[in-house]
Amino acid sequence: SCTAATTGVAFGSYNPLAFGSTDSTGTVRLTCGGVAGLLIPFNIALSPGSSGSYSGRRLRSGGNTLAYNLYTDATYTTVWGDGSSATQLVSSGVTLDLLGLAPAQVFPVYGRIPGRQTTAVPGSYSDTISVTVTYY
């Protein structure tokens, strides 16, 4: 059996006049236990959030939005999604040790809000992302 836990991507303050992007990281942490020697391969998918689009993820504050996205890598080139629409899953596996345990695996989630979103208004912006772990 495996359990997943997350830490959110918290961007903090955003300056809509700044040219640079605002970056932050969160994590998906997977811990497994069971039969010793068992190999557990898995995929981790992230939902598109409230926007319903991987290419157009949006943080929301009431009717106001900020464009952002979540990535699998620190170069911010590969959008983390479900494997569709030019997104990628994170695939990995774990082999349980003699006690039937495995050390937790931690997968960073890289978040970026592009700079110069000059229509942004002050507020507290958020989005909800679902994490799906599929074992195969």
N, C-alpha and C. Protein backbone atom coordinates (compact mmCIF):
# COMPACT_ATOMS: atom_id res chain seq x y z
N SER A 1 0.85 -1.18 0.00
CA SER A 1 0.00 0.00 0.00
C SER A 1 0.89 1.24 0.00
N CYS A 2 0.42 2.26 -0.63
CA CYS A 2 1.17 3.52 -0.72
C CYS A 2 0.27 4.68 -0.30
N THR A 3 0.90 5.70 0.24
CA THR A 3 0.18 6.92 0.57
C THR A 3 0.90 8.10 -0.08
N ALA A 4 0.13 9.06 -0.49
CA ALA A 4 0.68 10.28 -1.09
C ALA A 4 0.33 11.47 -0.21
N ALA A 5 1.26 12.38 -0.09
CA ALA A 5 1.04 13.63 0.64
C ALA A 5 1.64 14.75 -0.20
N THR A 6 1.12 15.94 -0.05
CA THR A 6 1.61 17.07 -0.84
C THR A 6 1.92 18.27 0.03
N THR A 7 2.79 19.11 -0.46
CA THR A 7 2.95 20.46 0.07
C THR A 7 2.64 21.39 -1.10
N GLY A 8 1.88 22.40 -0.83
CA GLY A 8 1.43 23.31 -1.88
C GLY A 8 2.53 24.18 -2.45
N VAL A 9 2.27 24.70 -3.63
CA VAL A 9 3.15 25.67 -4.28
C VAL A 9 2.63 27.04 -3.83
N ALA A 10 3.39 27.70 -2.96
CA ALA A 10 2.97 29.00 -2.42
C ALA A 10 3.85 30.09 -3.04
N PHE A 11 3.27 30.92 -3.86
CA PHE A 11 4.04 31.92 -4.59
C PHE A 11 4.38 33.16 -3.77
N GLY A 12 3.61 33.48 -2.75
CA GLY A 12 3.85 34.70 -2.01
C GLY A 12 3.38 35.91 -2.81
N SER A 13 4.05 37.04 -2.63
CA SER A 13 3.66 38.28 -3.31
C SER A 13 4.04 38.25 -4.78
N TYR A 14 3.19 38.85 -5.59
CA TYR A 14 3.43 38.95 -7.03
C TYR A 14 3.36 40.40 -7.44
N ASN A 15 4.36 40.88 -8.18
CA ASN A 15 4.38 42.24 -8.69
C ASN A 15 4.01 42.20 -10.18
N PRO A 16 2.82 42.67 -10.55
CA PRO A 16 2.39 42.58 -11.95
C PRO A 16 3.19 43.46 -12.91
N LEU A 17 4.00 44.37 -12.38
CA LEU A 17 4.81 45.23 -13.24
C LEU A 17 6.22 44.67 -13.46
N ALA A 18 6.58 43.65 -12.69
CA ALA A 18 7.93 43.07 -12.82
C ALA A 18 8.04 42.27 -14.11
N PHE A 19 9.19 42.34 -14.74
CA PHE A 19 9.42 41.61 -15.99
C PHE A 19 9.69 40.13 -15.73
N GLY A 20 10.31 39.81 -14.60
CA GLY A 20 10.67 38.44 -14.29
C GLY A 20 9.48 37.63 -13.79
N SER A 21 9.61 36.33 -13.93
CA SER A 21 8.59 35.41 -13.44
C SER A 21 8.70 35.24 -11.93
N THR A 22 7.61 34.82 -11.31
CA THR A 22 7.60 34.49 -9.89
C THR A 22 7.52 32.97 -9.80
N ASP A 23 8.54 32.36 -9.17
CA ASP A 23 8.64 30.91 -9.09
C ASP A 23 8.50 30.42 -7.66
N SER A 24 8.05 29.18 -7.52
CA SER A 24 7.97 28.53 -6.22
C SER A 24 7.95 27.02 -6.44
N THR A 25 8.12 26.27 -5.38
CA THR A 25 8.06 24.81 -5.49
C THR A 25 7.18 24.24 -4.38
N GLY A 26 6.62 23.08 -4.69
CA GLY A 26 5.90 22.26 -3.74
C GLY A 26 6.41 20.84 -3.92
N THR A 27 5.76 19.87 -3.30
CA THR A 27 6.19 18.49 -3.44
C THR A 27 5.01 17.53 -3.46
N VAL A 28 5.25 16.38 -4.07
CA VAL A 28 4.39 15.21 -3.93
C VAL A 28 5.29 14.16 -3.29
N ARG A 29 4.87 13.63 -2.17
CA ARG A 29 5.66 12.65 -1.41
C ARG A 29 4.91 11.33 -1.39
N LEU A 30 5.57 10.27 -1.84
CA LEU A 30 4.95 8.95 -1.92
C LEU A 30 5.69 7.99 -1.00
N THR A 31 4.95 7.33 -0.11
CA THR A 31 5.51 6.36 0.83
C THR A 31 4.79 5.03 0.63
N CYS A 32 5.56 3.94 0.49
CA CYS A 32 4.97 2.63 0.21
C CYS A 32 5.45 1.58 1.21
N GLY A 33 4.60 0.60 1.45
CA GLY A 33 4.93 -0.55 2.27
C GLY A 33 4.16 -1.76 1.76
N GLY A 34 4.61 -2.95 2.12
CA GLY A 34 3.92 -4.16 1.66
C GLY A 34 4.85 -5.35 1.67
N VAL A 35 4.80 -6.17 0.65
CA VAL A 35 5.58 -7.39 0.55
C VAL A 35 7.02 -7.05 0.15
N ALA A 36 8.00 -7.53 0.93
CA ALA A 36 9.41 -7.29 0.64
C ALA A 36 9.76 -7.77 -0.76
N GLY A 37 10.55 -6.98 -1.46
CA GLY A 37 11.00 -7.32 -2.80
C GLY A 37 10.02 -6.95 -3.90
N LEU A 38 8.84 -6.49 -3.52
CA LEU A 38 7.83 -6.14 -4.51
C LEU A 38 8.20 -4.84 -5.21
N LEU A 39 8.16 -4.84 -6.54
CA LEU A 39 8.38 -3.63 -7.32
C LEU A 39 7.03 -2.96 -7.56
N ILE A 40 6.94 -1.69 -7.23
CA ILE A 40 5.70 -0.94 -7.41
C ILE A 40 5.96 0.20 -8.40
N PRO A 41 5.63 0.02 -9.68
CA PRO A 41 5.75 1.12 -10.64
C PRO A 41 4.51 2.01 -10.56
N PHE A 42 4.69 3.31 -10.81
CA PHE A 42 3.55 4.22 -10.72
C PHE A 42 3.76 5.44 -11.61
N ASN A 43 2.64 6.12 -11.89
CA ASN A 43 2.61 7.42 -12.56
C ASN A 43 1.95 8.40 -11.62
N ILE A 44 2.42 9.64 -11.66
CA ILE A 44 1.79 10.71 -10.89
C ILE A 44 1.29 11.76 -11.88
N ALA A 45 -0.02 12.03 -11.84
CA ALA A 45 -0.64 13.03 -12.72
C ALA A 45 -1.16 14.19 -11.88
N LEU A 46 -1.14 15.37 -12.45
CA LEU A 46 -1.74 16.56 -11.83
C LEU A 46 -2.90 17.02 -12.70
N SER A 47 -3.98 17.45 -12.07
CA SER A 47 -5.15 17.94 -12.80
C SER A 47 -4.87 19.33 -13.36
N PRO A 48 -5.73 19.79 -14.28
CA PRO A 48 -5.54 21.14 -14.83
C PRO A 48 -5.99 22.25 -13.88
N GLY A 49 -6.66 21.89 -12.79
CA GLY A 49 -7.16 22.92 -11.88
C GLY A 49 -8.47 23.50 -12.34
N SER A 50 -8.84 24.63 -11.77
CA SER A 50 -10.16 25.22 -12.02
C SER A 50 -10.34 25.73 -13.45
N SER A 51 -9.24 25.99 -14.16
CA SER A 51 -9.36 26.49 -15.53
C SER A 51 -9.78 25.39 -16.50
N GLY A 52 -9.51 24.12 -16.14
CA GLY A 52 -9.82 23.00 -17.02
C GLY A 52 -8.86 22.84 -18.18
N SER A 53 -7.76 23.62 -18.18
CA SER A 53 -6.81 23.57 -19.28
C SER A 53 -5.39 23.56 -18.76
N TYR A 54 -4.58 22.62 -19.26
CA TYR A 54 -3.18 22.58 -18.84
C TYR A 54 -2.39 23.76 -19.39
N SER A 55 -2.75 24.25 -20.56
CA SER A 55 -2.01 25.38 -21.14
C SER A 55 -2.51 26.70 -20.58
N GLY A 56 -3.61 26.67 -19.87
CA GLY A 56 -4.16 27.90 -19.32
C GLY A 56 -4.53 27.79 -17.86
N ARG A 57 -3.67 27.18 -17.04
CA ARG A 57 -3.97 27.13 -15.59
C ARG A 57 -4.08 28.55 -15.08
N ARG A 58 -5.02 28.76 -14.17
CA ARG A 58 -5.30 30.09 -13.64
C ARG A 58 -5.43 30.06 -12.13
N LEU A 59 -4.76 30.99 -11.47
CA LEU A 59 -5.01 31.28 -10.07
C LEU A 59 -6.19 32.25 -10.05
N ARG A 60 -7.09 32.09 -9.08
CA ARG A 60 -8.28 32.93 -9.04
C ARG A 60 -8.42 33.66 -7.71
N SER A 61 -8.93 34.87 -7.82
CA SER A 61 -9.33 35.67 -6.66
C SER A 61 -10.65 36.31 -7.05
N GLY A 62 -11.75 35.66 -6.66
CA GLY A 62 -13.05 36.10 -7.14
C GLY A 62 -13.10 35.97 -8.64
N GLY A 63 -13.43 37.05 -9.35
CA GLY A 63 -13.48 37.02 -10.81
C GLY A 63 -12.15 37.35 -11.48
N ASN A 64 -11.12 37.62 -10.68
CA ASN A 64 -9.80 37.97 -11.22
C ASN A 64 -8.94 36.73 -11.35
N THR A 65 -8.06 36.72 -12.35
CA THR A 65 -7.19 35.56 -12.55
C THR A 65 -5.75 35.98 -12.83
N LEU A 66 -4.84 35.04 -12.56
CA LEU A 66 -3.43 35.15 -12.92
C LEU A 66 -3.04 33.86 -13.62
N ALA A 67 -2.38 33.97 -14.75
CA ALA A 67 -1.89 32.78 -15.45
C ALA A 67 -0.71 32.20 -14.68
N TYR A 68 -0.63 30.88 -14.63
CA TYR A 68 0.49 30.19 -14.02
C TYR A 68 0.55 28.79 -14.60
N ASN A 69 1.60 28.05 -14.26
CA ASN A 69 1.62 26.64 -14.60
C ASN A 69 2.53 25.88 -13.67
N LEU A 70 2.42 24.54 -13.73
CA LEU A 70 3.20 23.63 -12.90
C LEU A 70 4.03 22.75 -13.82
N TYR A 71 5.28 22.52 -13.42
CA TYR A 71 6.24 21.84 -14.27
C TYR A 71 6.93 20.69 -13.54
N THR A 72 7.45 19.76 -14.34
CA THR A 72 8.16 18.60 -13.79
C THR A 72 9.64 18.90 -13.55
N ASP A 73 10.14 20.01 -14.08
CA ASP A 73 11.57 20.29 -14.03
C ASP A 73 11.84 21.75 -13.70
N ALA A 74 13.04 21.98 -13.17
CA ALA A 74 13.43 23.33 -12.75
C ALA A 74 13.73 24.26 -13.93
N THR A 75 13.69 23.75 -15.15
CA THR A 75 13.86 24.61 -16.32
C THR A 75 12.51 25.15 -16.80
N TYR A 76 11.43 24.70 -16.18
CA TYR A 76 10.07 25.16 -16.49
C TYR A 76 9.72 24.95 -17.96
N THR A 77 10.09 23.80 -18.50
CA THR A 77 9.81 23.51 -19.91
C THR A 77 8.77 22.40 -20.09
N THR A 78 8.61 21.52 -19.11
CA THR A 78 7.70 20.38 -19.26
C THR A 78 6.53 20.54 -18.30
N VAL A 79 5.34 20.81 -18.86
CA VAL A 79 4.14 20.99 -18.04
C VAL A 79 3.75 19.65 -17.43
N TRP A 80 3.50 19.65 -16.12
CA TRP A 80 3.09 18.44 -15.40
C TRP A 80 1.58 18.34 -15.51
N GLY A 81 1.11 17.28 -16.16
CA GLY A 81 -0.31 17.07 -16.34
C GLY A 81 -0.65 15.60 -16.26
N ASP A 82 -1.45 15.14 -17.23
CA ASP A 82 -1.88 13.74 -17.23
C ASP A 82 -1.39 12.97 -18.45
N GLY A 83 -0.43 13.54 -19.18
CA GLY A 83 0.10 12.89 -20.37
C GLY A 83 -0.60 13.30 -21.65
N SER A 84 -1.64 14.11 -21.54
CA SER A 84 -2.36 14.60 -22.73
C SER A 84 -1.98 16.06 -22.97
N SER A 85 -2.38 16.56 -24.11
CA SER A 85 -2.21 17.99 -24.44
C SER A 85 -0.79 18.49 -24.20
N ALA A 86 0.20 17.74 -24.67
CA ALA A 86 1.61 18.12 -24.54
C ALA A 86 2.07 18.24 -23.09
N THR A 87 1.43 17.50 -22.19
CA THR A 87 1.87 17.46 -20.80
C THR A 87 2.51 16.10 -20.55
N GLN A 88 3.21 16.01 -19.42
CA GLN A 88 3.82 14.74 -19.05
C GLN A 88 3.42 14.33 -17.65
N LEU A 89 3.38 13.02 -17.46
CA LEU A 89 3.24 12.43 -16.14
C LEU A 89 4.64 12.28 -15.57
N VAL A 90 4.72 12.10 -14.27
CA VAL A 90 5.98 11.68 -13.67
C VAL A 90 5.85 10.19 -13.41
N SER A 91 6.77 9.41 -13.97
CA SER A 91 6.75 7.96 -13.82
C SER A 91 7.96 7.52 -13.01
N SER A 92 7.73 6.57 -12.11
CA SER A 92 8.82 6.06 -11.30
C SER A 92 8.40 4.71 -10.76
N GLY A 93 9.15 4.20 -9.85
CA GLY A 93 8.84 2.94 -9.21
C GLY A 93 9.65 2.81 -7.94
N VAL A 94 9.25 1.89 -7.11
CA VAL A 94 9.94 1.66 -5.86
C VAL A 94 9.95 0.16 -5.59
N THR A 95 11.08 -0.35 -5.09
CA THR A 95 11.16 -1.75 -4.67
C THR A 95 11.23 -1.76 -3.16
N LEU A 96 10.34 -2.53 -2.53
CA LEU A 96 10.28 -2.58 -1.07
C LEU A 96 11.44 -3.39 -0.52
N ASP A 97 12.00 -2.96 0.60
CA ASP A 97 13.17 -3.61 1.19
C ASP A 97 12.79 -4.85 2.01
N LEU A 98 13.74 -5.40 2.75
CA LEU A 98 13.52 -6.63 3.52
C LEU A 98 12.40 -6.50 4.55
N LEU A 99 12.16 -5.30 5.02
CA LEU A 99 11.09 -5.08 5.99
C LEU A 99 9.76 -4.77 5.31
N GLY A 100 9.77 -4.75 3.98
CA GLY A 100 8.55 -4.42 3.25
C GLY A 100 8.27 -2.94 3.23
N LEU A 101 9.31 -2.16 3.41
CA LEU A 101 9.18 -0.70 3.42
C LEU A 101 10.07 -0.10 2.34
N ALA A 102 9.85 1.10 2.03
CA ALA A 102 10.71 1.83 1.11
C ALA A 102 10.80 3.27 1.62
N PRO A 103 11.97 3.89 1.45
CA PRO A 103 12.05 5.30 1.85
C PRO A 103 11.07 6.12 1.01
N ALA A 104 10.58 7.16 1.61
CA ALA A 104 9.65 8.04 0.88
C ALA A 104 10.36 8.62 -0.34
N GLN A 105 9.61 8.72 -1.42
CA GLN A 105 10.11 9.38 -2.62
C GLN A 105 9.44 10.74 -2.71
N VAL A 106 10.25 11.75 -2.92
CA VAL A 106 9.75 13.12 -2.98
C VAL A 106 9.96 13.66 -4.39
N PHE A 107 8.88 14.13 -4.98
CA PHE A 107 8.90 14.67 -6.34
C PHE A 107 8.60 16.15 -6.27
N PRO A 108 9.54 17.01 -6.68
CA PRO A 108 9.28 18.45 -6.65
C PRO A 108 8.28 18.86 -7.73
N VAL A 109 7.44 19.82 -7.38
CA VAL A 109 6.50 20.45 -8.31
C VAL A 109 6.97 21.90 -8.47
N TYR A 110 7.33 22.27 -9.68
CA TYR A 110 7.85 23.61 -9.94
C TYR A 110 6.72 24.49 -10.49
N GLY A 111 6.45 25.59 -9.80
CA GLY A 111 5.39 26.51 -10.22
C GLY A 111 5.95 27.82 -10.72
N ARG A 112 5.30 28.40 -11.72
CA ARG A 112 5.74 29.69 -12.27
C ARG A 112 4.55 30.55 -12.67
N ILE A 113 4.58 31.80 -12.21
CA ILE A 113 3.66 32.84 -12.68
C ILE A 113 4.48 33.74 -13.61
N PRO A 114 4.12 33.82 -14.88
CA PRO A 114 4.87 34.69 -15.80
C PRO A 114 4.77 36.16 -15.37
N GLY A 115 5.81 36.92 -15.64
CA GLY A 115 5.83 38.34 -15.30
C GLY A 115 4.94 39.16 -16.21
N ARG A 116 4.77 40.42 -15.83
CA ARG A 116 4.06 41.44 -16.61
C ARG A 116 2.60 41.12 -16.88
N GLN A 117 1.91 40.58 -15.89
CA GLN A 117 0.45 40.42 -16.01
C GLN A 117 -0.17 41.68 -15.41
N THR A 118 -0.12 42.75 -16.19
CA THR A 118 -0.43 44.09 -15.69
C THR A 118 -1.91 44.30 -15.36
N THR A 119 -2.77 43.36 -15.74
CA THR A 119 -4.18 43.51 -15.40
C THR A 119 -4.49 42.91 -14.02
N ALA A 120 -3.48 42.34 -13.37
CA ALA A 120 -3.70 41.74 -12.04
C ALA A 120 -4.09 42.80 -11.03
N VAL A 121 -5.03 42.46 -10.18
CA VAL A 121 -5.46 43.35 -9.10
C VAL A 121 -5.09 42.71 -7.77
N PRO A 122 -4.95 43.52 -6.72
CA PRO A 122 -4.61 42.94 -5.42
C PRO A 122 -5.66 41.93 -4.97
N GLY A 123 -5.20 40.90 -4.29
CA GLY A 123 -6.10 39.88 -3.78
C GLY A 123 -5.35 38.63 -3.39
N SER A 124 -6.06 37.69 -2.85
CA SER A 124 -5.49 36.40 -2.49
C SER A 124 -5.91 35.39 -3.56
N TYR A 125 -4.96 34.92 -4.34
CA TYR A 125 -5.23 34.05 -5.48
C TYR A 125 -4.92 32.60 -5.12
N SER A 126 -5.73 31.67 -5.62
CA SER A 126 -5.48 30.25 -5.36
C SER A 126 -6.08 29.39 -6.47
N ASP A 127 -5.70 28.14 -6.47
CA ASP A 127 -6.24 27.14 -7.37
C ASP A 127 -6.15 25.80 -6.63
N THR A 128 -6.95 24.85 -7.03
CA THR A 128 -6.91 23.52 -6.42
C THR A 128 -6.53 22.51 -7.49
N ILE A 129 -5.47 21.78 -7.21
CA ILE A 129 -4.95 20.76 -8.12
C ILE A 129 -5.12 19.40 -7.47
N SER A 130 -5.64 18.44 -8.22
CA SER A 130 -5.76 17.07 -7.73
C SER A 130 -4.54 16.27 -8.19
N VAL A 131 -4.02 15.45 -7.29
CA VAL A 131 -2.91 14.56 -7.59
C VAL A 131 -3.46 13.15 -7.70
N THR A 132 -3.15 12.48 -8.82
CA THR A 132 -3.61 11.10 -9.03
C THR A 132 -2.38 10.20 -9.19
N VAL A 133 -2.28 9.19 -8.33
CA VAL A 133 -1.20 8.22 -8.43
C VAL A 133 -1.81 6.94 -8.98
N THR A 134 -1.26 6.45 -10.10
CA THR A 134 -1.75 5.24 -10.74
C THR A 134 -0.65 4.20 -10.68
N TYR A 135 -0.97 3.04 -10.10
CA TYR A 135 -0.01 1.93 -10.00
C TYR A 135 -0.30 0.98 -11.15
N TYR A 136 0.75 0.41 -11.72
CA TYR A 136 0.55 -0.51 -12.83
C TYR A 136 1.52 -1.67 -12.75
